[in-house]
Amino acid sequence: TTSACTACRNLQWRCTPECLFAPYFLPDQPERFANVHNVFGVSNVRKMLNELLVYFHEDCIDTLAYEVDMRVEDPIYGCVSVISVLQKRAARTQNHKYLALATPCSSSMLSPGTR
């Protein structure tokens, strides 16, 4: 027999082969479900999954789990702080690209083999 998923075990539900949560909350990861459940609630997670194609379910659960982890790490900003850092890096990289494209390349800047 297979053991119940963490969601069904924690909620004291009977875990069936059609369980919506079983593929994403494995029995050996009890903290993953507990954290997602505490922040988002099982009803909200179920609604999200039911609104998505099955193809996107794993990404959805992984994203929710990541958001929870970031909230633990930074209770005020959570994953928003990570997004902000990445946006600033992307803008800086874009500016460097524009500067590189706008700077004329003189023949003295080329290596001898490329003239």
PDB file of N, CA and C in Angstrom:
ATOM      1  N   THR A   1       0.838  -1.190   0.000  1.00  0.00           N
ATOM      2  CA  THR A   1       0.000   0.000   0.000  1.00  0.00           C
ATOM      3  C   THR A   1       0.877   1.246   0.000  1.00  0.00           C
ATOM      4  N   THR A   2       0.348   2.315  -0.566  1.00  0.00           N
ATOM      5  CA  THR A   2       1.074   3.570  -0.566  1.00  0.00           C
ATOM      6  C   THR A   2       0.606   4.404   0.616  1.00  0.00           C
ATOM      7  N   SER A   3       1.502   5.217   1.128  1.00  0.00           N
ATOM      8  CA  SER A   3       1.115   6.056   2.263  1.00  0.00           C
ATOM      9  C   SER A   3       0.407   7.303   1.758  1.00  0.00           C
ATOM     10  N   ALA A   4      -0.392   7.881   2.620  1.00  0.00           N
ATOM     11  CA  ALA A   4      -1.136   9.076   2.266  1.00  0.00           C
ATOM     12  C   ALA A   4      -0.185  10.244   2.055  1.00  0.00           C
ATOM     13  N   CYS A   5      -0.569  11.143   1.180  1.00  0.00           N
ATOM     14  CA  CYS A   5       0.235  12.346   0.984  1.00  0.00           C
ATOM     15  C   CYS A   5       0.202  13.171   2.267  1.00  0.00           C
ATOM     16  N   THR A   6       1.118  14.089   2.357  1.00  0.00           N
ATOM     17  CA  THR A   6       1.209  14.917   3.551  1.00  0.00           C
ATOM     18  C   THR A   6      -0.056  15.740   3.764  1.00  0.00           C
ATOM     19  N   ALA A   7      -0.661  16.227   2.692  1.00  0.00           N
ATOM     20  CA  ALA A   7      -1.878  17.028   2.819  1.00  0.00           C
ATOM     21  C   ALA A   7      -2.994  16.205   3.453  1.00  0.00           C
ATOM     22  N   CYS A   8      -3.245  15.025   2.919  1.00  0.00           N
ATOM     23  CA  CYS A   8      -4.316  14.179   3.443  1.00  0.00           C
ATOM     24  C   CYS A   8      -4.020  13.731   4.880  1.00  0.00           C
ATOM     25  N   ARG A   9      -2.765  13.416   5.136  1.00  0.00           N
ATOM     26  CA  ARG A   9      -2.398  12.991   6.489  1.00  0.00           C
ATOM     27  C   ARG A   9      -2.633  14.126   7.487  1.00  0.00           C
ATOM     28  N   ASN A  10      -2.199  15.332   7.155  1.00  0.00           N
ATOM     29  CA  ASN A  10      -2.359  16.465   8.074  1.00  0.00           C
ATOM     30  C   ASN A  10      -3.817  16.866   8.252  1.00  0.00           C
ATOM     31  N   LEU A  11      -4.596  16.750   7.194  1.00  0.00           N
ATOM     32  CA  LEU A  11      -6.003  17.144   7.253  1.00  0.00           C
ATOM     33  C   LEU A  11      -6.907  15.987   7.665  1.00  0.00           C
ATOM     34  N   GLN A  12      -6.305  14.827   7.865  1.00  0.00           N
ATOM     35  CA  GLN A  12      -7.024  13.605   8.244  1.00  0.00           C
ATOM     36  C   GLN A  12      -8.087  13.245   7.211  1.00  0.00           C
ATOM     37  N   TRP A  13      -7.676  13.333   5.955  1.00  0.00           N
ATOM     38  CA  TRP A  13      -8.516  12.922   4.843  1.00  0.00           C
ATOM     39  C   TRP A  13      -8.056  11.563   4.373  1.00  0.00           C
ATOM     40  N   ARG A  14      -8.944  10.871   3.684  1.00  0.00           N
ATOM     41  CA  ARG A  14      -8.579   9.613   3.050  1.00  0.00           C
ATOM     42  C   ARG A  14      -7.925   9.958   1.711  1.00  0.00           C
ATOM     43  N   CYS A  15      -6.679   9.551   1.530  1.00  0.00           N
ATOM     44  CA  CYS A  15      -5.940   9.872   0.310  1.00  0.00           C
ATOM     45  C   CYS A  15      -6.291   8.844  -0.765  1.00  0.00           C
ATOM     46  N   THR A  16      -6.811   9.333  -1.872  1.00  0.00           N
ATOM     47  CA  THR A  16      -7.218   8.457  -2.964  1.00  0.00           C
ATOM     48  C   THR A  16      -6.217   8.585  -4.110  1.00  0.00           C
ATOM     49  N   PRO A  17      -6.243   7.672  -5.054  1.00  0.00           N
ATOM     50  CA  PRO A  17      -5.354   7.787  -6.218  1.00  0.00           C
ATOM     51  C   PRO A  17      -5.586   9.078  -7.029  1.00  0.00           C
ATOM     52  N   GLU A  18      -6.779   9.668  -6.923  1.00  0.00           N
ATOM     53  CA  GLU A  18      -7.095  10.899  -7.644  1.00  0.00           C
ATOM     54  C   GLU A  18      -6.785  12.150  -6.827  1.00  0.00           C
ATOM     55  N   CYS A  19      -6.142  12.003  -5.698  1.00  0.00           N
ATOM     56  CA  CYS A  19      -5.867  13.126  -4.801  1.00  0.00           C
ATOM     57  C   CYS A  19      -5.158  14.251  -5.555  1.00  0.00           C
ATOM     58  N   LEU A  20      -5.705  15.449  -5.457  1.00  0.00           N
ATOM     59  CA  LEU A  20      -5.154  16.619  -6.129  1.00  0.00           C
ATOM     60  C   LEU A  20      -3.784  17.002  -5.586  1.00  0.00           C
ATOM     61  N   PHE A  21      -3.555  16.747  -4.300  1.00  0.00           N
ATOM     62  CA  PHE A  21      -2.325  17.192  -3.645  1.00  0.00           C
ATOM     63  C   PHE A  21      -1.204  16.155  -3.626  1.00  0.00           C
ATOM     64  N   ALA A  22      -1.528  14.888  -3.815  1.00  0.00           N
ATOM     65  CA  ALA A  22      -0.546  13.806  -3.663  1.00  0.00           C
ATOM     66  C   ALA A  22       0.733  13.981  -4.486  1.00  0.00           C
ATOM     67  N   PRO A  23       0.659  14.395  -5.747  1.00  0.00           N
ATOM     68  CA  PRO A  23       1.906  14.513  -6.521  1.00  0.00           C
ATOM     69  C   PRO A  23       2.842  15.624  -6.025  1.00  0.00           C
ATOM     70  N   TYR A  24       2.308  16.560  -5.249  1.00  0.00           N
ATOM     71  CA  TYR A  24       3.083  17.753  -4.903  1.00  0.00           C
ATOM     72  C   TYR A  24       3.454  17.828  -3.429  1.00  0.00           C
ATOM     73  N   PHE A  25       2.778  17.067  -2.593  1.00  0.00           N
ATOM     74  CA  PHE A  25       3.068  17.052  -1.161  1.00  0.00           C
ATOM     75  C   PHE A  25       3.325  15.610  -0.741  1.00  0.00           C
ATOM     76  N   LEU A  26       4.532  15.178  -1.006  1.00  0.00           N
ATOM     77  CA  LEU A  26       4.920  13.792  -0.746  1.00  0.00           C
ATOM     78  C   LEU A  26       4.999  13.516   0.755  1.00  0.00           C
ATOM     79  N   PRO A  27       4.839  12.261   1.145  1.00  0.00           N
ATOM     80  CA  PRO A  27       4.842  11.914   2.569  1.00  0.00           C
ATOM     81  C   PRO A  27       6.132  12.293   3.308  1.00  0.00           C
ATOM     82  N   ASP A  28       7.237  12.381   2.596  1.00  0.00           N
ATOM     83  CA  ASP A  28       8.507  12.704   3.259  1.00  0.00           C
ATOM     84  C   ASP A  28       8.790  14.206   3.326  1.00  0.00           C
ATOM     85  N   GLN A  29       7.794  15.043   2.982  1.00  0.00           N
ATOM     86  CA  GLN A  29       7.965  16.501   3.015  1.00  0.00           C
ATOM     87  C   GLN A  29       6.843  17.174   3.814  1.00  0.00           C
ATOM     88  N   PRO A  30       6.677  16.810   5.083  1.00  0.00           N
ATOM     89  CA  PRO A  30       5.543  17.361   5.842  1.00  0.00           C
ATOM     90  C   PRO A  30       5.606  18.871   6.033  1.00  0.00           C
ATOM     91  N   GLU A  31       6.811  19.422   6.147  1.00  0.00           N
ATOM     92  CA  GLU A  31       6.925  20.868   6.370  1.00  0.00           C
ATOM     93  C   GLU A  31       6.505  21.667   5.145  1.00  0.00           C
ATOM     94  N   ARG A  32       6.690  21.104   3.973  1.00  0.00           N
ATOM     95  CA  ARG A  32       6.304  21.805   2.734  1.00  0.00           C
ATOM     96  C   ARG A  32       4.796  22.069   2.729  1.00  0.00           C
ATOM     97  N   PHE A  33       4.007  21.036   2.995  1.00  0.00           N
ATOM     98  CA  PHE A  33       2.557  21.235   3.024  1.00  0.00           C
ATOM     99  C   PHE A  33       2.157  22.132   4.184  1.00  0.00           C
ATOM    100  N   ALA A  34       2.705  21.900   5.354  1.00  0.00           N
ATOM    101  CA  ALA A  34       2.332  22.686   6.532  1.00  0.00           C
ATOM    102  C   ALA A  34       2.561  24.174   6.284  1.00  0.00           C
ATOM    103  N   ASN A  35       3.695  24.508   5.689  1.00  0.00           N
ATOM    104  CA  ASN A  35       4.007  25.913   5.429  1.00  0.00           C
ATOM    105  C   ASN A  35       3.060  26.529   4.399  1.00  0.00           C
ATOM    106  N   VAL A  36       2.826  25.815   3.294  1.00  0.00           N
ATOM    107  CA  VAL A  36       1.915  26.325   2.259  1.00  0.00           C
ATOM    108  C   VAL A  36       0.503  26.439   2.823  1.00  0.00           C
ATOM    109  N   HIS A  37       0.085  25.458   3.577  1.00  0.00           N
ATOM    110  CA  HIS A  37      -1.250  25.464   4.174  1.00  0.00           C
ATOM    111  C   HIS A  37      -1.415  26.623   5.158  1.00  0.00           C
ATOM    112  N   ASN A  38      -0.405  26.868   5.980  1.00  0.00           N
ATOM    113  CA  ASN A  38      -0.492  27.945   6.970  1.00  0.00           C
ATOM    114  C   ASN A  38      -0.571  29.324   6.336  1.00  0.00           C
ATOM    115  N   VAL A  39       0.101  29.517   5.230  1.00  0.00           N
ATOM    116  CA  VAL A  39       0.108  30.842   4.589  1.00  0.00           C
ATOM    117  C   VAL A  39      -1.071  31.020   3.641  1.00  0.00           C
ATOM    118  N   PHE A  40      -1.345  30.038   2.805  1.00  0.00           N
ATOM    119  CA  PHE A  40      -2.348  30.204   1.749  1.00  0.00           C
ATOM    120  C   PHE A  40      -3.679  29.519   2.048  1.00  0.00           C
ATOM    121  N   GLY A  41      -3.670  28.489   2.863  1.00  0.00           N
ATOM    122  CA  GLY A  41      -4.893  27.753   3.149  1.00  0.00           C
ATOM    123  C   GLY A  41      -5.185  26.713   2.088  1.00  0.00           C
ATOM    124  N   VAL A  42      -5.687  25.586   2.512  1.00  0.00           N
ATOM    125  CA  VAL A  42      -5.913  24.480   1.590  1.00  0.00           C
ATOM    126  C   VAL A  42      -6.992  24.813   0.561  1.00  0.00           C
ATOM    127  N   SER A  43      -8.010  25.569   0.943  1.00  0.00           N
ATOM    128  CA  SER A  43      -9.076  25.926  -0.007  1.00  0.00           C
ATOM    129  C   SER A  43      -8.545  26.804  -1.126  1.00  0.00           C
ATOM    130  N   ASN A  44      -7.698  27.767  -0.789  1.00  0.00           N
ATOM    131  CA  ASN A  44      -7.131  28.645  -1.804  1.00  0.00           C
ATOM    132  C   ASN A  44      -6.195  27.887  -2.740  1.00  0.00           C
ATOM    133  N   VAL A  45      -5.407  26.980  -2.188  1.00  0.00           N
ATOM    134  CA  VAL A  45      -4.503  26.187  -3.018  1.00  0.00           C
ATOM    135  C   VAL A  45      -5.313  25.306  -3.958  1.00  0.00           C
ATOM    136  N   ARG A  46      -6.353  24.704  -3.441  1.00  0.00           N
ATOM    137  CA  ARG A  46      -7.221  23.865  -4.285  1.00  0.00           C
ATOM    138  C   ARG A  46      -7.844  24.691  -5.409  1.00  0.00           C
ATOM    139  N   LYS A  47      -8.329  25.899  -5.096  1.00  0.00           N
ATOM    140  CA  LYS A  47      -8.918  26.767  -6.120  1.00  0.00           C
ATOM    141  C   LYS A  47      -7.899  27.093  -7.203  1.00  0.00           C
ATOM    142  N   MET A  48      -6.686  27.442  -6.774  1.00  0.00           N
ATOM    143  CA  MET A  48      -5.643  27.768  -7.754  1.00  0.00           C
ATOM    144  C   MET A  48      -5.378  26.596  -8.684  1.00  0.00           C
ATOM    145  N   LEU A  49      -5.232  25.408  -8.102  1.00  0.00           N
ATOM    146  CA  LEU A  49      -4.942  24.231  -8.920  1.00  0.00           C
ATOM    147  C   LEU A  49      -6.095  23.913  -9.858  1.00  0.00           C
ATOM    148  N   ASN A  50      -7.314  24.055  -9.377  1.00  0.00           N
ATOM    149  CA  ASN A  50      -8.475  23.759 -10.213  1.00  0.00           C
ATOM    150  C   ASN A  50      -8.641  24.747 -11.362  1.00  0.00           C
ATOM    151  N   GLU A  51      -8.093  25.943 -11.225  1.00  0.00           N
ATOM    152  CA  GLU A  51      -8.183  26.944 -12.287  1.00  0.00           C
ATOM    153  C   GLU A  51      -7.080  26.794 -13.332  1.00  0.00           C
ATOM    154  N   LEU A  52      -6.086  25.955 -13.039  1.00  0.00           N
ATOM    155  CA  LEU A  52      -4.954  25.781 -13.946  1.00  0.00           C
ATOM    156  C   LEU A  52      -5.028  24.448 -14.677  1.00  0.00           C
ATOM    157  N   LEU A  53      -4.400  24.398 -15.828  1.00  0.00           N
ATOM    158  CA  LEU A  53      -4.216  23.115 -16.496  1.00  0.00           C
ATOM    159  C   LEU A  53      -3.280  22.268 -15.633  1.00  0.00           C
ATOM    160  N   VAL A  54      -3.467  20.977 -15.662  1.00  0.00           N
ATOM    161  CA  VAL A  54      -2.641  20.066 -14.849  1.00  0.00           C
ATOM    162  C   VAL A  54      -1.156  20.276 -15.141  1.00  0.00           C
ATOM    163  N   TYR A  55      -0.846  20.640 -16.358  1.00  0.00           N
ATOM    164  CA  TYR A  55       0.534  20.889 -16.764  1.00  0.00           C
ATOM    165  C   TYR A  55       1.222  21.930 -15.869  1.00  0.00           C
ATOM    166  N   PHE A  56       0.451  22.882 -15.337  1.00  0.00           N
ATOM    167  CA  PHE A  56       1.015  23.974 -14.532  1.00  0.00           C
ATOM    168  C   PHE A  56       0.947  23.733 -13.025  1.00  0.00           C
ATOM    169  N   HIS A  57       0.357  22.649 -12.583  1.00  0.00           N
ATOM    170  CA  HIS A  57       0.184  22.410 -11.151  1.00  0.00           C
ATOM    171  C   HIS A  57       1.508  22.383 -10.387  1.00  0.00           C
ATOM    172  N   GLU A  58       2.480  21.665 -10.899  1.00  0.00           N
ATOM    173  CA  GLU A  58       3.753  21.560 -10.187  1.00  0.00           C
ATOM    174  C   GLU A  58       4.418  22.932 -10.050  1.00  0.00           C
ATOM    175  N   ASP A  59       4.388  23.723 -11.116  1.00  0.00           N
ATOM    176  CA  ASP A  59       4.962  25.073 -11.047  1.00  0.00           C
ATOM    177  C   ASP A  59       4.222  25.924 -10.018  1.00  0.00           C
ATOM    178  N   CYS A  60       2.926  25.783  -9.966  1.00  0.00           N
ATOM    179  CA  CYS A  60       2.114  26.538  -9.011  1.00  0.00           C
ATOM    180  C   CYS A  60       2.522  26.196  -7.579  1.00  0.00           C
ATOM    181  N   ILE A  61       2.576  24.912  -7.265  1.00  0.00           N
ATOM    182  CA  ILE A  61       2.928  24.487  -5.910  1.00  0.00           C
ATOM    183  C   ILE A  61       4.366  24.887  -5.583  1.00  0.00           C
ATOM    184  N   ASP A  62       5.282  24.725  -6.522  1.00  0.00           N
ATOM    185  CA  ASP A  62       6.673  25.135  -6.295  1.00  0.00           C
ATOM    186  C   ASP A  62       6.767  26.631  -6.023  1.00  0.00           C
ATOM    187  N   THR A  63       5.978  27.416  -6.747  1.00  0.00           N
ATOM    188  CA  THR A  63       5.977  28.862  -6.559  1.00  0.00           C
ATOM    189  C   THR A  63       5.417  29.233  -5.189  1.00  0.00           C
ATOM    190  N   LEU A  64       4.324  28.592  -4.799  1.00  0.00           N
ATOM    191  CA  LEU A  64       3.756  28.863  -3.479  1.00  0.00           C
ATOM    192  C   LEU A  64       4.745  28.497  -2.374  1.00  0.00           C
ATOM    193  N   ALA A  65       5.393  27.350  -2.522  1.00  0.00           N
ATOM    194  CA  ALA A  65       6.380  26.921  -1.525  1.00  0.00           C
ATOM    195  C   ALA A  65       7.550  27.905  -1.473  1.00  0.00           C
ATOM    196  N   TYR A  66       7.976  28.399  -2.633  1.00  0.00           N
ATOM    197  CA  TYR A  66       9.061  29.382  -2.674  1.00  0.00           C
ATOM    198  C   TYR A  66       8.641  30.679  -1.983  1.00  0.00           C
ATOM    199  N   GLU A  67       7.426  31.137  -2.260  1.00  0.00           N
ATOM    200  CA  GLU A  67       6.929  32.350  -1.610  1.00  0.00           C
ATOM    201  C   GLU A  67       6.920  32.193  -0.097  1.00  0.00           C
ATOM    202  N   VAL A  68       6.491  31.030   0.383  1.00  0.00           N
ATOM    203  CA  VAL A  68       6.480  30.776   1.822  1.00  0.00           C
ATOM    204  C   VAL A  68       7.903  30.822   2.374  1.00  0.00           C
ATOM    205  N   ASP A  69       8.836  30.167   1.688  1.00  0.00           N
ATOM    206  CA  ASP A  69      10.236  30.175   2.143  1.00  0.00           C
ATOM    207  C   ASP A  69      10.776  31.596   2.206  1.00  0.00           C
ATOM    208  N   MET A  70      10.448  32.412   1.222  1.00  0.00           N
ATOM    209  CA  MET A  70      10.930  33.795   1.206  1.00  0.00           C
ATOM    210  C   MET A  70      10.277  34.627   2.313  1.00  0.00           C
ATOM    211  N   ARG A  71       9.028  34.331   2.642  1.00  0.00           N
ATOM    212  CA  ARG A  71       8.367  35.032   3.755  1.00  0.00           C
ATOM    213  C   ARG A  71       9.024  34.688   5.083  1.00  0.00           C
ATOM    214  N   VAL A  72       9.474  33.452   5.213  1.00  0.00           N
ATOM    215  CA  VAL A  72      10.182  33.051   6.436  1.00  0.00           C
ATOM    216  C   VAL A  72      11.518  33.786   6.509  1.00  0.00           C
ATOM    217  N   GLU A  73      12.201  33.864   5.372  1.00  0.00           N
ATOM    218  CA  GLU A  73      13.507  34.523   5.311  1.00  0.00           C
ATOM    219  C   GLU A  73      13.389  36.037   5.491  1.00  0.00           C
ATOM    220  N   ASP A  74      12.364  36.637   4.904  1.00  0.00           N
ATOM    221  CA  ASP A  74      12.158  38.081   4.983  1.00  0.00           C
ATOM    222  C   ASP A  74      10.665  38.328   5.219  1.00  0.00           C
ATOM    223  N   PRO A  75      10.240  38.364   6.498  1.00  0.00           N
ATOM    224  CA  PRO A  75       8.807  38.460   6.810  1.00  0.00           C
ATOM    225  C   PRO A  75       8.117  39.718   6.287  1.00  0.00           C
ATOM    226  N   ILE A  76       8.866  40.779   6.052  1.00  0.00           N
ATOM    227  CA  ILE A  76       8.245  42.027   5.613  1.00  0.00           C
ATOM    228  C   ILE A  76       8.048  42.048   4.103  1.00  0.00           C
ATOM    229  N   TYR A  77       9.092  41.750   3.350  1.00  0.00           N
ATOM    230  CA  TYR A  77       9.018  41.859   1.889  1.00  0.00           C
ATOM    231  C   TYR A  77       8.868  40.518   1.180  1.00  0.00           C
ATOM    232  N   GLY A  78       9.257  39.422   1.805  1.00  0.00           N
ATOM    233  CA  GLY A  78       9.135  38.112   1.174  1.00  0.00           C
ATOM    234  C   GLY A  78       9.862  38.059  -0.152  1.00  0.00           C
ATOM    235  N   CYS A  79       9.226  37.487  -1.163  1.00  0.00           N
ATOM    236  CA  CYS A  79       9.873  37.337  -2.464  1.00  0.00           C
ATOM    237  C   CYS A  79       9.945  38.651  -3.223  1.00  0.00           C
ATOM    238  N   VAL A  80       9.240  39.680  -2.779  1.00  0.00           N
ATOM    239  CA  VAL A  80       9.299  40.973  -3.453  1.00  0.00           C
ATOM    240  C   VAL A  80      10.719  41.537  -3.413  1.00  0.00           C
ATOM    241  N   SER A  81      11.441  41.290  -2.328  1.00  0.00           N
ATOM    242  CA  SER A  81      12.820  41.783  -2.249  1.00  0.00           C
ATOM    243  C   SER A  81      13.698  41.105  -3.300  1.00  0.00           C
ATOM    244  N   VAL A  82      13.494  39.824  -3.531  1.00  0.00           N
ATOM    245  CA  VAL A  82      14.253  39.103  -4.555  1.00  0.00           C
ATOM    246  C   VAL A  82      13.894  39.638  -5.940  1.00  0.00           C
ATOM    247  N   ILE A  83      12.624  39.855  -6.182  1.00  0.00           N
ATOM    248  CA  ILE A  83      12.170  40.386  -7.472  1.00  0.00           C
ATOM    249  C   ILE A  83      12.779  41.769  -7.709  1.00  0.00           C
ATOM    250  N   SER A  84      12.801  42.591  -6.684  1.00  0.00           N
ATOM    251  CA  SER A  84      13.370  43.934  -6.801  1.00  0.00           C
ATOM    252  C   SER A  84      14.849  43.882  -7.163  1.00  0.00           C
ATOM    253  N   VAL A  85      15.603  43.017  -6.509  1.00  0.00           N
ATOM    254  CA  VAL A  85      17.030  42.872  -6.807  1.00  0.00           C
ATOM    255  C   VAL A  85      17.222  42.422  -8.254  1.00  0.00           C
ATOM    256  N   LEU A  86      16.429  41.459  -8.695  1.00  0.00           N
ATOM    257  CA  LEU A  86      16.555  40.964 -10.069  1.00  0.00           C
ATOM    258  C   LEU A  86      16.172  42.027 -11.091  1.00  0.00           C
ATOM    259  N   GLN A  87      15.141  42.827 -10.795  1.00  0.00           N
ATOM    260  CA  GLN A  87      14.759  43.896 -11.711  1.00  0.00           C
ATOM    261  C   GLN A  87      15.869  44.941 -11.835  1.00  0.00           C
ATOM    262  N   LYS A  88      16.508  45.274 -10.712  1.00  0.00           N
ATOM    263  CA  LYS A  88      17.614  46.240 -10.744  1.00  0.00           C
ATOM    264  C   LYS A  88      18.791  45.694 -11.543  1.00  0.00           C
ATOM    265  N   ARG A  89      19.099  44.414 -11.367  1.00  0.00           N
ATOM    266  CA  ARG A  89      20.191  43.800 -12.140  1.00  0.00           C
ATOM    267  C   ARG A  89      19.872  43.803 -13.634  1.00  0.00           C
ATOM    268  N   ALA A  90      18.630  43.488 -13.967  1.00  0.00           N
ATOM    269  CA  ALA A  90      18.227  43.463 -15.376  1.00  0.00           C
ATOM    270  C   ALA A  90      18.330  44.861 -15.981  1.00  0.00           C
ATOM    271  N   ALA A  91      17.901  45.871 -15.241  1.00  0.00           N
ATOM    272  CA  ALA A  91      17.983  47.250 -15.741  1.00  0.00           C
ATOM    273  C   ALA A  91      19.438  47.670 -15.916  1.00  0.00           C
ATOM    274  N   ARG A  92      20.290  47.306 -14.965  1.00  0.00           N
ATOM    275  CA  ARG A  92      21.713  47.649 -15.059  1.00  0.00           C
ATOM    276  C   ARG A  92      22.349  46.958 -16.270  1.00  0.00           C
ATOM    277  N   THR A  93      22.013  45.705 -16.488  1.00  0.00           N
ATOM    278  CA  THR A  93      22.537  44.967 -17.638  1.00  0.00           C
ATOM    279  C   THR A  93      22.056  45.591 -18.941  1.00  0.00           C
ATOM    280  N   GLN A  94      20.801  45.983 -18.973  1.00  0.00           N
ATOM    281  CA  GLN A  94      20.243  46.634 -20.167  1.00  0.00           C
ATOM    282  C   GLN A  94      20.970  47.954 -20.433  1.00  0.00           C
ATOM    283  N   ASN A  95      21.236  48.717 -19.389  1.00  0.00           N
ATOM    284  CA  ASN A  95      21.970  49.984 -19.555  1.00  0.00           C
ATOM    285  C   ASN A  95      23.379  49.729 -20.069  1.00  0.00           C
ATOM    286  N   HIS A  96      24.044  48.711 -19.553  1.00  0.00           N
ATOM    287  CA  HIS A  96      25.392  48.370 -20.029  1.00  0.00           C
ATOM    288  C   HIS A  96      25.354  47.989 -21.506  1.00  0.00           C
ATOM    289  N   LYS A  97      24.312  47.275 -21.892  1.00  0.00           N
ATOM    290  CA  LYS A  97      24.176  46.877 -23.302  1.00  0.00           C
ATOM    291  C   LYS A  97      24.005  48.107 -24.181  1.00  0.00           C
ATOM    292  N   TYR A  98      23.144  49.044 -23.768  1.00  0.00           N
ATOM    293  CA  TYR A  98      22.936  50.262 -24.550  1.00  0.00           C
ATOM    294  C   TYR A  98      24.216  51.086 -24.644  1.00  0.00           C
ATOM    295  N   LEU A  99      24.942  51.171 -23.527  1.00  0.00           N
ATOM    296  CA  LEU A  99      26.207  51.908 -23.553  1.00  0.00           C
ATOM    297  C   LEU A  99      27.203  51.250 -24.504  1.00  0.00           C
ATOM    298  N   ALA A 100      27.264  49.929 -24.467  1.00  0.00           N
ATOM    299  CA  ALA A 100      28.190  49.207 -25.342  1.00  0.00           C
ATOM    300  C   ALA A 100      27.812  49.407 -26.806  1.00  0.00           C
ATOM    301  N   LEU A 101      26.529  49.412 -27.105  1.00  0.00           N
ATOM    302  CA  LEU A 101      26.083  49.618 -28.483  1.00  0.00           C
ATOM    303  C   LEU A 101      26.280  51.063 -28.935  1.00  0.00           C
ATOM    304  N   ALA A 102      26.191  52.007 -28.015  1.00  0.00           N
ATOM    305  CA  ALA A 102      26.297  53.422 -28.360  1.00  0.00           C
ATOM    306  C   ALA A 102      27.742  53.892 -28.457  1.00  0.00           C
ATOM    307  N   THR A 103      28.666  53.157 -27.849  1.00  0.00           N
ATOM    308  CA  THR A 103      30.063  53.560 -27.866  1.00  0.00           C
ATOM    309  C   THR A 103      30.691  53.150 -29.186  1.00  0.00           C
ATOM    310  N   PRO A 104      31.195  54.146 -29.944  1.00  0.00           N
ATOM    311  CA  PRO A 104      31.832  53.790 -31.220  1.00  0.00           C
ATOM    312  C   PRO A 104      33.103  52.999 -30.968  1.00  0.00           C
ATOM    313  N   CYS A 105      33.341  52.067 -31.805  1.00  0.00           N
ATOM    314  CA  CYS A 105      34.521  51.202 -31.674  1.00  0.00           C
ATOM    315  C   CYS A 105      35.562  51.675 -32.673  1.00  0.00           C
ATOM    316  N   SER A 106      36.647  52.232 -32.168  1.00  0.00           N
ATOM    317  CA  SER A 106      37.704  52.688 -33.079  1.00  0.00           C
ATOM    318  C   SER A 106      38.595  51.524 -33.457  1.00  0.00           C
ATOM    319  N   SER A 107      39.288  51.675 -34.542  1.00  0.00           N
ATOM    320  CA  SER A 107      40.158  50.597 -35.009  1.00  0.00           C
ATOM    321  C   SER A 107      41.298  50.343 -34.039  1.00  0.00           C
ATOM    322  N   SER A 108      41.652  51.328 -33.205  1.00  0.00           N
ATOM    323  CA  SER A 108      42.724  51.122 -32.226  1.00  0.00           C
ATOM    324  C   SER A 108      42.259  50.215 -31.085  1.00  0.00           C
ATOM    325  N   MET A 109      40.945  50.059 -30.914  1.00  0.00           N
ATOM    326  CA  MET A 109      40.427  49.220 -29.845  1.00  0.00           C
ATOM    327  C   MET A 109      40.368  47.754 -30.280  1.00  0.00           C
ATOM    328  N   LEU A 110      40.466  47.509 -31.562  1.00  0.00           N
ATOM    329  CA  LEU A 110      40.402  46.150 -32.062  1.00  0.00           C
ATOM    330  C   LEU A 110      41.735  45.456 -31.881  1.00  0.00           C
ATOM    331  N   SER A 111      41.687  44.191 -31.652  1.00  0.00           N
ATOM    332  CA  SER A 111      42.934  43.450 -31.522  1.00  0.00           C
ATOM    333  C   SER A 111      43.580  43.353 -32.903  1.00  0.00           C
ATOM    334  N   PRO A 112      44.911  43.151 -32.966  1.00  0.00           N
ATOM    335  CA  PRO A 112      45.610  43.139 -34.261  1.00  0.00           C
ATOM    336  C   PRO A 112      45.036  42.144 -35.258  1.00  0.00           C
ATOM    337  N   GLY A 113      44.500  41.040 -34.815  1.00  0.00           N
ATOM    338  CA  GLY A 113      44.007  40.018 -35.739  1.00  0.00           C
ATOM    339  C   GLY A 113      42.649  40.363 -36.337  1.00  0.00           C
ATOM    340  N   THR A 114      41.954  41.402 -35.837  1.00  0.00           N
ATOM    341  CA  THR A 114      40.627  41.706 -36.339  1.00  0.00           C
ATOM    342  C   THR A 114      40.583  42.933 -37.236  1.00  0.00           C
ATOM    343  N   ARG A 115      41.702  43.587 -37.470  1.00  0.00           N
ATOM    344  CA  ARG A 115      41.724  44.786 -38.332  1.00  0.00           C
ATOM    345  C   ARG A 115      41.632  44.429 -39.769  1.00  0.00           C
TER     346      ARG A 115
END
